Protein backbone atom coordinates (compact mmCIF):
# COMPACT_ATOMS: atom_id res chain seq x y z
CA MET A 1 -76.19 12.10 -22.75
CA ALA A 2 -75.61 8.74 -23.91
CA GLY A 3 -77.06 9.24 -27.21
CA LYS A 4 -74.32 11.63 -28.23
CA SER A 5 -71.30 10.33 -30.09
CA GLY A 6 -68.23 10.13 -27.90
CA GLY A 7 -66.14 7.69 -25.88
CA PRO A 8 -66.97 4.73 -23.95
CA THR A 9 -69.99 4.44 -21.62
CA ARG A 10 -70.02 3.95 -17.90
CA SER A 11 -72.68 2.75 -15.39
CA SER A 12 -73.58 5.54 -12.81
CA SER A 13 -74.09 2.91 -10.12
CA THR A 14 -71.00 0.85 -10.65
CA GLY A 15 -68.55 3.07 -12.55
CA ARG A 16 -68.01 0.14 -14.93
CA TYR A 17 -67.91 0.21 -18.61
CA VAL A 18 -71.22 -0.95 -20.31
CA PRO A 19 -72.03 -1.75 -23.84
CA PRO A 20 -73.18 0.94 -26.02
CA GLY A 21 -76.78 -0.45 -26.26
CA GLN A 22 -77.11 -0.35 -22.59
CA GLY A 23 -76.08 3.32 -22.57
CA LYS A 24 -78.81 3.94 -25.06
CA SER A 25 -81.52 2.10 -23.31
CA ASN A 26 -80.71 3.55 -19.80
CA PRO A 27 -79.39 7.22 -20.44
CA SER A 28 -80.25 8.34 -16.90
CA GLY A 29 -78.15 5.64 -15.50
CA THR A 30 -75.20 6.02 -17.66
CA VAL A 31 -72.48 8.55 -18.53
CA ARG A 32 -70.66 8.68 -21.84
CA GLU A 33 -67.11 9.79 -21.43
CA ALA A 34 -65.46 12.39 -23.78
CA PRO A 35 -63.27 10.97 -26.43
CA GLY A 36 -59.55 11.37 -26.18
CA LYS A 37 -57.08 11.26 -23.46
CA SER A 38 -58.46 11.99 -19.94
CA GLY A 39 -56.89 14.64 -17.79
CA SER A 40 -55.98 13.96 -14.18
CA THR A 41 -59.07 15.24 -12.46
CA GLY A 42 -58.27 13.42 -9.14
CA GLY A 43 -61.57 11.66 -8.88
CA ALA A 44 -63.99 14.17 -9.98
CA TYR A 45 -67.73 13.21 -10.01
CA ARG A 46 -69.99 13.54 -13.04
CA SER A 47 -73.83 13.61 -13.19
CA SER A 48 -75.23 10.89 -15.39
CA SER A 49 -78.36 12.89 -16.13
CA THR A 50 -76.42 16.03 -17.45
CA GLY A 51 -73.01 14.77 -18.03
CA ARG A 52 -71.63 17.65 -16.15
CA PHE A 53 -69.12 17.71 -13.28
CA VAL A 54 -70.49 18.07 -9.82
CA THR A 55 -69.00 18.59 -6.45
CA GLU A 56 -67.44 15.76 -4.49
CA LYS A 57 -70.05 16.28 -1.75
CA TYR A 58 -72.86 15.89 -4.19
CA GLY A 59 -71.37 12.93 -5.80
CA LYS A 60 -71.15 11.21 -2.46
CA GLN A 61 -74.73 11.95 -1.59
CA HIS A 62 -76.00 10.69 -4.92
CA PRO A 63 -74.11 7.62 -5.62
CA GLY A 64 -76.78 6.16 -8.06
CA THR A 65 -76.90 8.99 -10.35
CA THR A 66 -73.20 10.11 -10.30
CA THR A 67 -69.96 8.39 -11.45
CA ARG A 68 -66.52 8.90 -10.17
CA GLU A 69 -63.85 9.62 -12.57
CA LYS A 70 -60.40 8.44 -11.53
């Protein structure tokens, strides 16, 4: 996911923004955000391996491979 063009990259484990190089070297541990304005998702979770949204339950059970978007 991190190799595709788009917005900033976040760490799956911390949720913090990371440099683009870190996203490329660790694609399974990072999530690239879509470019543009974010909608109000109310804290949805996204998988770092697929970039797709996952359920809140799954996100809480897998904190190392998901990130919470606020």
